[in-house]
Amino acid sequence: MIRLDIEPTPEVVKKLIDKHDTERYEMLQRYYEGKNDEIRNRVKKDLSKPNNKIVNGYPSYIIDVIQGYFIGKPVTYSSMDEELMKELQDIFNYNDEQDENSELAKMAGIKGKAYEIVYIDEDAYLRFNEMDADNIIMVHDTKINPDINFAIRYYKSKNLITNRDELYAEVYTNIQYYKEENNNLVLQDIEEHYFGQVPVIEFLNNDEAIGDFERVISLIDAYDKAQSDTANDFEEFTDAFLCLVNMSATDDEDIKKLKEDKVLLIDKEGQAYWLIKEINDSAVENYKDRLKNDIHKFSKTPDMSDVNFSSNASGVAMAYKLLALEQIMATKERKFKRALQRRLELIVTYLNFKGGNYDWRDVDITFARNKPINVKEEVETAQMLRGFTSNSTALSQLPMIDDVSMELEKIESEKDPYHEDLDSIDIDDDIDEDEE
């Protein structure tokens, strides 16, 4: 975390951009894309020997499993303020909020952090869009509980005339637009926004901003090497030398004819055998199994190919198998929820600027794990909550409901009007005295 109590002058912004190290982010992205550095860059001194470079997709496996488990089911929002929920849902739908959350979770899982910028587009609609950590610099102040001082978004664009990369920067307090000229940033324009604070949100993966597979990269590299070396051994086995004992008189023409006819004539004193490299297959496979198990263990990602996951385990047994994963889910959820609350705060500030009177703290955020569930048990749980909690809270526990407020509206609209009329009739008042 960068902590500075200074104004974002052009000189300060330029210095921060020059010192922004993106090498780690680029390396993590390469691993996620299956371009593992260690094995792809391996060079053997003897160029005549096989040099297979087998890349195993553990980084993408870890990210995709954790992301799907964490955010595979959409985040749900609920509030007693129906008008606020309607406004929010319109904004969420316009911004493809579910897909946005999924991308943010993936970015944070890969690089340890991701960013989102909230802005007003050219049609005066509120928008929010994910940003890669490579292009954002967040600067906090030096308070005990630090606030955002300012944020920088920068990028390079190639000038087709000069064929050179030109640096552009946007500084968020208000929005200041800069362009690099003669190695200095020159102010191009200034815009005001209507959010009351820096409209850039940081989505942290954890307190250390470490990616989900970053801690096991050395294990992944070792597994890549082991798999590649196994392939090398088999290739060398296929290209083994044929040794001919006491047959030194055999000339090149005889060897050529031997290859074509697949026949070898040996006298009593002669001998032929393949010179091959002996492989302790059991030791090699045990070594790879240990690496594989350690990758899953220390990344806290379950091995879905494990036969234990295909058995009909009880809910409690399955919970124990996913216990390690649930621990990091708890951290992810707290960090993600904090960022979503800030998104709500920025949106509500803009809505209030337009004349609304809302409080973002009236909105409850609920996460649901994307795992096999017993729908009957979930429904029974929701039914038991009625009477102890609000209907919206009870409905938010059901995995098949994405929009709680819309579901409540449907329930109201589907009520039988005939029965409603009966409920409103006072039978005693309508009985004729003579009939009585």
Protein backbone atom coordinates (compact mmCIF):
# COMPACT_ATOMS: atom_id res chain seq x y z
CA MET A 1 0.00 0.00 0.00
CA ILE A 2 1.32 3.44 -0.99
CA ARG A 3 0.70 6.03 1.75
CA LEU A 4 1.38 9.70 1.01
CA ASP A 5 -0.05 12.93 2.40
CA ILE A 6 0.73 15.01 -0.69
CA GLU A 7 -1.14 16.54 -3.59
CA PRO A 8 -1.06 14.69 -6.94
CA THR A 9 1.08 17.19 -8.84
CA PRO A 10 2.27 16.21 -12.34
CA GLU A 11 5.75 15.55 -10.95
CA VAL A 12 4.40 13.26 -8.21
CA VAL A 13 2.17 11.39 -10.66
CA LYS A 14 5.03 10.88 -13.13
CA LYS A 15 7.33 9.56 -10.41
CA LEU A 16 4.68 7.12 -9.15
CA ILE A 17 4.09 5.82 -12.68
CA ASP A 18 7.83 5.35 -13.29
CA LYS A 19 8.17 3.37 -10.05
CA HIS A 20 5.05 1.25 -10.60
CA ASP A 21 6.38 -2.30 -10.96
CA THR A 22 4.11 -4.44 -13.14
CA GLU A 23 6.58 -7.31 -13.67
CA ARG A 24 4.94 -9.46 -10.97
CA TYR A 25 1.46 -8.89 -12.40
CA GLU A 26 2.66 -9.82 -15.90
CA MET A 27 4.29 -13.01 -14.59
CA LEU A 28 1.11 -14.08 -12.77
CA GLN A 29 -0.97 -13.43 -15.88
CA ARG A 30 1.40 -15.56 -17.96
CA TYR A 31 1.03 -18.46 -15.52
CA TYR A 32 -2.76 -18.19 -15.63
CA GLU A 33 -2.63 -18.30 -19.44
CA GLY A 34 -0.48 -21.47 -19.37
CA LYS A 35 2.81 -19.76 -20.20
CA ASN A 36 4.75 -20.95 -17.14
CA ASP A 37 8.12 -19.18 -17.09
CA GLU A 38 10.33 -21.83 -15.52
CA ILE A 39 9.62 -24.68 -17.94
CA ARG A 40 9.16 -22.56 -21.06
CA ASN A 41 12.57 -20.92 -20.57
CA ARG A 42 14.46 -24.13 -19.69
CA VAL A 43 17.51 -24.76 -21.89
CA LYS A 44 19.63 -27.91 -21.94
CA LYS A 45 23.36 -27.76 -22.59
CA ASP A 46 23.25 -30.86 -24.80
CA LEU A 47 21.00 -29.74 -27.63
CA SER A 48 20.86 -33.28 -29.02
CA LYS A 49 18.86 -34.52 -26.02
CA PRO A 50 15.05 -34.23 -25.83
CA ASN A 51 13.83 -31.08 -24.10
CA ASN A 52 10.06 -31.38 -23.73
CA LYS A 53 8.35 -28.38 -22.16
CA ILE A 54 5.07 -29.62 -20.73
CA VAL A 55 2.96 -26.93 -19.08
CA ASN A 56 0.36 -28.07 -16.56
CA GLY A 57 -2.60 -25.72 -16.14
CA TYR A 58 -2.66 -25.68 -12.35
CA PRO A 59 -2.83 -21.86 -12.09
CA SER A 60 -5.98 -21.65 -14.22
CA TYR A 61 -7.44 -24.70 -12.45
CA ILE A 62 -6.94 -23.10 -9.03
CA ILE A 63 -8.37 -19.74 -10.13
CA ASP A 64 -11.37 -21.18 -11.98
CA VAL A 65 -12.35 -23.57 -9.16
CA ILE A 66 -12.06 -20.90 -6.46
CA GLN A 67 -13.79 -18.24 -8.56
CA GLY A 68 -16.65 -20.58 -9.46
CA TYR A 69 -17.11 -21.67 -5.86
CA PHE A 70 -16.98 -18.11 -4.54
CA ILE A 71 -18.94 -16.08 -7.10
CA GLY A 72 -20.45 -18.71 -9.41
CA LYS A 73 -23.80 -17.90 -7.84
CA PRO A 74 -24.61 -14.18 -8.13
CA VAL A 75 -24.40 -11.88 -5.12
CA THR A 76 -27.91 -10.99 -3.89
CA TYR A 77 -29.04 -7.66 -2.47
CA SER A 78 -32.05 -6.98 -0.24
CA SER A 79 -33.52 -3.90 1.41
CA MET A 80 -36.76 -2.69 2.98
CA ASP A 81 -36.47 0.41 0.78
CA GLU A 82 -38.18 -0.86 -2.37
CA GLU A 83 -37.58 2.33 -4.33
CA LEU A 84 -33.84 2.14 -3.66
CA MET A 85 -33.75 -1.52 -4.71
CA LYS A 86 -35.52 -0.68 -7.95
CA GLU A 87 -32.99 2.08 -8.72
CA LEU A 88 -30.08 -0.21 -7.88
CA GLN A 89 -31.40 -3.10 -9.94
CA ASP A 90 -31.76 -0.88 -13.01
CA ILE A 91 -28.13 0.24 -12.61
CA PHE A 92 -26.94 -3.34 -12.01
CA ASN A 93 -28.74 -4.60 -15.11
CA TYR A 94 -27.33 -1.79 -17.25
CA ASN A 95 -23.80 -2.62 -16.08
CA ASP A 96 -24.06 -6.45 -16.24
CA GLU A 97 -23.27 -6.48 -12.53
CA GLN A 98 -23.09 -10.28 -12.21
CA ASP A 99 -20.48 -10.60 -14.96
CA GLU A 100 -18.59 -7.59 -13.55
CA ASN A 101 -18.35 -9.26 -10.13
CA SER A 102 -17.13 -12.49 -11.71
CA GLU A 103 -14.36 -10.69 -13.62
CA LEU A 104 -13.28 -8.75 -10.54
CA ALA A 105 -13.06 -11.98 -8.51
CA LYS A 106 -10.94 -13.60 -11.23
CA MET A 107 -8.61 -10.60 -11.54
CA ALA A 108 -8.14 -10.42 -7.76
CA GLY A 109 -7.54 -14.18 -7.63
CA ILE A 110 -4.79 -13.97 -10.24
CA LYS A 111 -2.95 -10.82 -9.15
CA GLY A 112 -4.09 -10.35 -5.56
CA LYS A 113 -6.08 -7.21 -6.29
CA ALA A 114 -8.35 -5.66 -8.89
CA TYR A 115 -9.91 -2.24 -9.36
CA GLU A 116 -13.18 -0.72 -10.50
CA ILE A 117 -13.87 2.80 -11.73
CA VAL A 118 -17.33 4.33 -11.29
CA TYR A 119 -18.17 7.04 -13.81
CA ILE A 120 -20.93 8.72 -15.82
CA ASP A 121 -20.97 7.82 -19.51
CA GLU A 122 -21.77 10.06 -22.47
CA ASP A 123 -25.49 9.21 -22.17
CA ALA A 124 -25.54 10.36 -18.51
CA TYR A 125 -25.90 6.79 -17.21
CA LEU A 126 -23.94 5.60 -14.20
CA ARG A 127 -21.39 2.97 -15.14
CA PHE A 128 -18.79 0.86 -13.33
CA ASN A 129 -16.07 -1.12 -15.02
CA GLU A 130 -13.26 -3.43 -13.86
CA MET A 131 -9.63 -2.35 -14.23
CA ASP A 132 -6.46 -4.44 -14.14
CA ALA A 133 -3.96 -3.86 -11.34
CA ASP A 134 -1.29 -3.22 -13.99
CA ASN A 135 -2.80 0.15 -14.89
CA ILE A 136 -4.00 1.54 -11.54
CA ILE A 137 -2.02 3.14 -8.71
CA MET A 138 -3.94 3.69 -5.48
CA VAL A 139 -2.51 6.18 -2.97
CA HIS A 140 -3.80 6.28 0.62
CA ASP A 141 -3.19 8.87 3.31
CA THR A 142 -1.22 8.24 6.51
CA LYS A 143 -4.10 8.02 9.00
CA ILE A 144 -4.38 5.07 11.40
CA ASN A 145 -7.34 3.90 9.32
CA PRO A 146 -6.16 5.13 5.92
CA ASP A 147 -8.52 6.70 3.39
CA ILE A 148 -7.91 7.01 -0.33
CA ASN A 149 -5.95 10.15 -1.10
CA PHE A 150 -6.06 9.82 -4.89
CA ALA A 151 -5.84 7.21 -7.64
CA ILE A 152 -4.03 7.12 -10.97
CA ARG A 153 -5.04 5.27 -14.11
CA TYR A 154 -2.39 5.25 -16.82
CA TYR A 155 -1.88 3.58 -20.17
CA LYS A 156 0.22 3.82 -23.30
CA SER A 157 -1.06 4.28 -26.83
CA LYS A 158 1.01 3.98 -30.00
CA ASN A 159 1.19 7.09 -32.17
CA LEU A 160 0.73 5.86 -35.75
CA ILE A 161 2.62 8.83 -37.16
CA THR A 162 5.73 8.70 -34.96
CA ASN A 163 5.38 4.94 -34.22
CA ARG A 164 6.10 5.69 -30.56
CA ASP A 165 4.21 4.81 -27.40
CA GLU A 166 2.65 7.85 -25.77
CA LEU A 167 1.81 7.90 -22.06
CA TYR A 168 -1.60 9.06 -20.85
CA ALA A 169 -2.73 9.42 -17.24
CA GLU A 170 -5.96 10.14 -15.40
CA VAL A 171 -5.76 11.34 -11.79
CA TYR A 172 -8.86 10.83 -9.66
CA THR A 173 -9.66 13.41 -7.02
CA ASN A 174 -11.65 15.34 -9.48
CA ILE A 175 -10.62 13.86 -12.86
CA GLN A 176 -7.44 15.35 -14.33
CA TYR A 177 -6.30 14.20 -17.79
CA TYR A 178 -2.56 14.24 -18.57
CA LYS A 179 -0.40 13.45 -21.58
CA GLU A 180 3.36 12.99 -21.56
CA GLU A 181 5.32 15.56 -23.54
CA ASN A 182 9.11 15.80 -23.42
CA ASN A 183 9.20 13.36 -20.51
CA ASN A 184 6.81 15.52 -18.48
CA LEU A 185 3.08 15.19 -17.85
CA VAL A 186 1.08 18.08 -19.26
CA LEU A 187 -2.48 18.75 -18.10
CA GLN A 188 -5.00 18.42 -20.93
CA ASP A 189 -8.38 18.72 -19.22
CA ILE A 190 -10.23 18.65 -15.87
CA GLU A 191 -13.67 17.19 -15.18
CA GLU A 192 -15.79 17.15 -12.05
CA HIS A 193 -17.63 14.05 -10.88
CA TYR A 194 -20.62 13.67 -8.56
CA PHE A 195 -19.53 10.94 -6.15
CA GLY A 196 -18.17 12.94 -3.22
CA GLN A 197 -14.98 10.83 -3.01
CA VAL A 198 -12.42 9.12 -5.24
CA PRO A 199 -14.57 6.94 -7.58
CA VAL A 200 -12.02 4.09 -7.75
CA ILE A 201 -12.64 0.91 -5.74
CA GLU A 202 -9.97 -1.60 -4.70
CA PHE A 203 -10.96 -5.28 -4.57
CA LEU A 204 -8.37 -7.11 -2.45
CA ASN A 205 -7.96 -10.88 -2.52
CA ASN A 206 -6.56 -10.82 1.02
CA ASP A 207 -4.67 -8.43 3.30
CA GLU A 208 -1.36 -9.28 1.63
CA ALA A 209 -2.80 -8.84 -1.90
CA ILE A 210 -1.44 -12.27 -2.89
CA GLY A 211 -2.95 -14.29 -5.73
CA ASP A 212 -4.60 -17.67 -5.19
CA PHE A 213 -1.82 -19.72 -6.85
CA GLU A 214 1.09 -17.39 -6.11
CA ARG A 215 2.24 -19.32 -3.02
CA VAL A 216 2.53 -22.61 -4.93
CA ILE A 217 4.34 -21.42 -8.07
CA SER A 218 7.54 -23.25 -7.07
CA LEU A 219 5.55 -26.50 -6.68
CA ILE A 220 3.90 -25.95 -10.05
CA ASP A 221 7.33 -25.38 -11.63
CA ALA A 222 8.64 -28.60 -10.06
CA TYR A 223 5.63 -30.55 -11.34
CA ASP A 224 6.13 -29.14 -14.86
CA LYS A 225 9.77 -30.24 -14.77
CA ALA A 226 8.90 -33.72 -13.50
CA GLN A 227 6.30 -34.24 -16.23
CA SER A 228 8.66 -32.88 -18.89
CA ASP A 229 11.53 -35.07 -17.70
CA THR A 230 9.27 -38.13 -17.79
CA ALA A 231 8.46 -37.32 -21.40
CA ASN A 232 12.17 -36.86 -22.09
CA ASP A 233 12.93 -40.29 -20.59
CA PHE A 234 10.34 -42.00 -22.74
CA GLU A 235 11.65 -40.22 -25.83
CA GLU A 236 15.18 -41.33 -25.04
CA PHE A 237 13.86 -44.86 -24.49
CA THR A 238 12.30 -44.79 -27.97
CA ASP A 239 15.58 -43.54 -29.49
CA ALA A 240 17.75 -46.10 -27.66
CA PHE A 241 21.06 -47.33 -29.15
CA LEU A 242 21.34 -50.87 -30.53
CA CYS A 243 24.57 -52.46 -29.28
CA LEU A 244 26.19 -55.19 -31.45
CA VAL A 245 28.84 -57.26 -29.61
CA ASN A 246 31.57 -59.07 -31.61
CA MET A 247 30.05 -57.75 -34.81
CA SER A 248 32.43 -54.90 -35.45
CA ALA A 249 32.87 -55.96 -39.05
CA THR A 250 29.29 -54.88 -39.81
CA ASP A 251 29.45 -51.94 -42.23
CA ASP A 252 27.02 -49.08 -42.88
CA GLU A 253 25.35 -50.95 -45.72
CA ASP A 254 24.62 -53.91 -43.43
CA ILE A 255 23.09 -51.61 -40.79
CA LYS A 256 20.91 -49.96 -43.43
CA LYS A 257 19.73 -53.37 -44.66
CA LEU A 258 19.10 -54.43 -41.05
CA LYS A 259 16.76 -51.45 -40.52
CA GLU A 260 14.88 -52.20 -43.72
CA ASP A 261 14.49 -55.98 -43.27
CA LYS A 262 14.03 -55.93 -39.48
CA VAL A 263 16.20 -59.09 -39.34
CA LEU A 264 19.45 -59.51 -37.39
CA LEU A 265 21.70 -62.60 -37.85
CA ILE A 266 24.07 -63.26 -34.92
CA ASP A 267 26.70 -66.00 -34.66
CA LYS A 268 27.57 -67.88 -31.44
CA GLU A 269 30.00 -65.27 -30.19
CA GLY A 270 27.86 -62.28 -31.19
CA GLN A 271 25.31 -60.40 -29.07
CA ALA A 272 22.77 -57.60 -29.62
CA TYR A 273 20.88 -55.52 -27.06
CA TRP A 274 19.37 -52.05 -26.55
CA LEU A 275 21.29 -49.54 -24.48
CA ILE A 276 18.55 -47.80 -22.51
CA LYS A 277 18.31 -45.58 -19.46
CA GLU A 278 16.84 -47.39 -16.49
CA ILE A 279 13.89 -45.52 -14.94
CA ASN A 280 12.61 -46.03 -11.41
CA ASP A 281 9.00 -45.47 -12.46
CA SER A 282 7.53 -45.95 -8.97
CA ALA A 283 9.80 -43.32 -7.40
CA VAL A 284 9.07 -40.84 -10.18
CA GLU A 285 5.30 -41.28 -9.92
CA ASN A 286 5.42 -41.04 -6.11
CA TYR A 287 7.37 -37.80 -6.41
CA LYS A 288 4.81 -36.34 -8.83
CA ASP A 289 1.94 -37.45 -6.59
CA ARG A 290 3.53 -35.64 -3.62
CA LEU A 291 3.90 -32.48 -5.68
CA LYS A 292 0.32 -32.74 -6.89
CA ASN A 293 -1.01 -33.24 -3.36
CA ASP A 294 1.06 -30.33 -2.03
CA ILE A 295 -0.23 -28.02 -4.77
CA HIS A 296 -3.82 -28.76 -3.73
CA LYS A 297 -2.97 -28.66 -0.03
CA PHE A 298 -1.21 -25.32 0.04
CA SER A 299 -3.48 -23.62 -2.49
CA LYS A 300 -6.42 -25.00 -0.44
CA THR A 301 -8.08 -26.13 -3.65
CA PRO A 302 -9.80 -29.54 -3.68
CA ASP A 303 -8.78 -32.12 -6.27
CA MET A 304 -12.03 -32.71 -8.14
CA SER A 305 -10.60 -35.87 -9.73
CA ASP A 306 -10.32 -37.43 -6.26
CA VAL A 307 -12.58 -40.49 -6.02
CA ASN A 308 -13.80 -39.23 -2.64
CA PHE A 309 -15.69 -36.43 -4.39
CA SER A 310 -17.60 -38.89 -6.56
CA SER A 311 -18.96 -40.87 -3.62
CA ASN A 312 -22.28 -40.15 -1.96
CA ALA A 313 -20.76 -38.42 1.03
CA SER A 314 -22.98 -36.77 3.62
CA GLY A 315 -23.27 -33.02 3.81
CA VAL A 316 -21.05 -32.91 6.91
CA ALA A 317 -18.40 -35.11 5.27
CA MET A 318 -18.40 -32.91 2.17
CA ALA A 319 -18.10 -29.83 4.38
CA TYR A 320 -14.90 -31.25 5.93
CA LYS A 321 -13.45 -31.89 2.46
CA LEU A 322 -14.11 -28.25 1.59
CA LEU A 323 -13.08 -26.86 4.99
CA ALA A 324 -9.72 -25.45 3.83
CA LEU A 325 -11.39 -23.83 0.82
CA GLU A 326 -14.07 -22.35 3.08
CA GLN A 327 -11.38 -20.64 5.17
CA ILE A 328 -10.12 -18.59 2.25
CA MET A 329 -13.72 -18.02 1.13
CA ALA A 330 -14.38 -16.26 4.43
CA THR A 331 -11.49 -13.85 3.77
CA LYS A 332 -12.48 -13.31 0.16
CA GLU A 333 -16.08 -12.60 1.13
CA ARG A 334 -15.13 -9.98 3.73
CA LYS A 335 -12.82 -8.15 1.30
CA PHE A 336 -15.27 -8.38 -1.60
CA LYS A 337 -18.21 -7.26 0.53
CA ARG A 338 -16.29 -4.22 1.72
CA ALA A 339 -15.59 -3.23 -1.89
CA LEU A 340 -19.22 -3.82 -2.93
CA GLN A 341 -20.37 -1.61 -0.05
CA ARG A 342 -18.15 1.17 -1.35
CA ARG A 343 -19.66 0.67 -4.81
CA LEU A 344 -23.13 1.04 -3.24
CA GLU A 345 -21.99 4.16 -1.39
CA LEU A 346 -20.80 5.79 -4.64
CA ILE A 347 -24.00 4.85 -6.48
CA VAL A 348 -26.26 6.13 -3.70
CA THR A 349 -24.28 9.38 -3.47
CA TYR A 350 -24.99 9.95 -7.17
CA LEU A 351 -28.68 9.02 -6.79
CA ASN A 352 -29.00 11.48 -3.89
CA PHE A 353 -27.28 14.15 -5.99
CA LYS A 354 -30.08 13.64 -8.53
CA GLY A 355 -32.72 14.18 -5.85
CA GLY A 356 -33.00 10.86 -4.03
CA ASN A 357 -32.97 10.35 -0.30
CA TYR A 358 -31.38 6.95 0.20
CA ASP A 359 -28.91 5.31 2.59
CA TRP A 360 -26.57 2.64 1.17
CA ARG A 361 -26.43 1.01 4.61
CA ASP A 362 -30.06 -0.08 4.17
CA VAL A 363 -28.91 -2.67 1.60
CA ASP A 364 -27.89 -6.16 2.76
CA ILE A 365 -25.39 -8.13 0.67
CA THR A 366 -25.56 -11.94 0.64
CA PHE A 367 -23.09 -14.41 -0.87
CA ALA A 368 -23.98 -18.01 -1.76
CA ARG A 369 -21.45 -20.77 -2.38
CA ASN A 370 -21.71 -22.50 -5.74
CA LYS A 371 -21.77 -26.10 -4.54
CA PRO A 372 -24.10 -29.10 -4.76
CA ILE A 373 -26.98 -28.52 -2.41
CA ASN A 374 -30.12 -30.24 -1.19
CA VAL A 375 -32.84 -27.89 -2.46
CA LYS A 376 -35.44 -29.46 -0.16
CA GLU A 377 -33.31 -28.67 2.90
CA GLU A 378 -32.74 -25.10 1.72
CA VAL A 379 -36.48 -24.53 1.24
CA GLU A 380 -37.24 -25.99 4.68
CA THR A 381 -34.62 -23.69 6.21
CA ALA A 382 -36.18 -20.65 4.52
CA GLN A 383 -39.62 -21.67 5.79
CA MET A 384 -38.33 -22.01 9.34
CA LEU A 385 -36.82 -18.49 9.15
CA ARG A 386 -40.25 -16.97 8.48
CA GLY A 387 -41.50 -15.47 11.68
CA PHE A 388 -37.98 -15.02 13.02
CA THR A 389 -36.67 -12.87 10.14
CA SER A 390 -38.18 -10.73 7.40
CA ASN A 391 -39.51 -12.41 4.26
CA SER A 392 -36.71 -10.84 2.20
CA THR A 393 -34.05 -12.31 4.49
CA ALA A 394 -35.69 -15.74 4.36
CA LEU A 395 -35.93 -15.62 0.54
CA SER A 396 -32.31 -14.51 0.23
CA GLN A 397 -31.26 -17.92 1.61
CA LEU A 398 -32.73 -19.72 -1.41
CA PRO A 399 -30.10 -20.35 -4.09
CA MET A 400 -32.56 -20.17 -6.99
CA ILE A 401 -33.54 -16.55 -6.24
CA ASP A 402 -31.23 -13.87 -7.65
CA ASP A 403 -33.41 -10.79 -7.11
CA VAL A 404 -35.23 -10.90 -3.76
CA SER A 405 -37.22 -7.69 -4.27
CA MET A 406 -38.50 -8.88 -7.65
CA GLU A 407 -39.50 -12.21 -6.10
CA LEU A 408 -41.46 -10.41 -3.38
CA GLU A 409 -43.27 -8.38 -6.06
CA LYS A 410 -44.17 -11.59 -7.91
CA ILE A 411 -45.54 -13.12 -4.70
CA GLU A 412 -47.77 -10.09 -4.17
CA SER A 413 -48.98 -10.05 -7.78
CA GLU A 414 -49.85 -13.76 -7.72
CA LYS A 415 -52.07 -13.56 -4.65
CA ASP A 416 -55.69 -14.62 -5.37
CA PRO A 417 -57.80 -11.41 -5.40
CA TYR A 418 -60.93 -13.46 -4.52
CA HIS A 419 -59.38 -14.61 -1.26
CA GLU A 420 -58.17 -11.10 -0.53
CA ASP A 421 -61.76 -9.83 -0.83
CA LEU A 422 -63.00 -12.55 1.51
CA ASP A 423 -60.42 -11.60 4.10
CA SER A 424 -61.63 -8.00 4.07
CA ILE A 425 -65.34 -8.87 4.66
CA ASP A 426 -66.81 -8.56 8.14
CA ILE A 427 -69.33 -11.42 8.04
CA ASP A 428 -71.25 -10.32 11.17
CA ASP A 429 -72.09 -6.90 9.65
CA ASP A 430 -73.55 -8.46 6.51
CA ILE A 431 -76.04 -10.81 8.22
CA ASP A 432 -79.63 -9.57 7.99
CA GLU A 433 -81.43 -9.22 11.31
CA ASP A 434 -84.41 -11.33 10.14
CA GLU A 435 -82.08 -14.05 8.91
CA GLU A 436 -80.43 -13.94 12.28
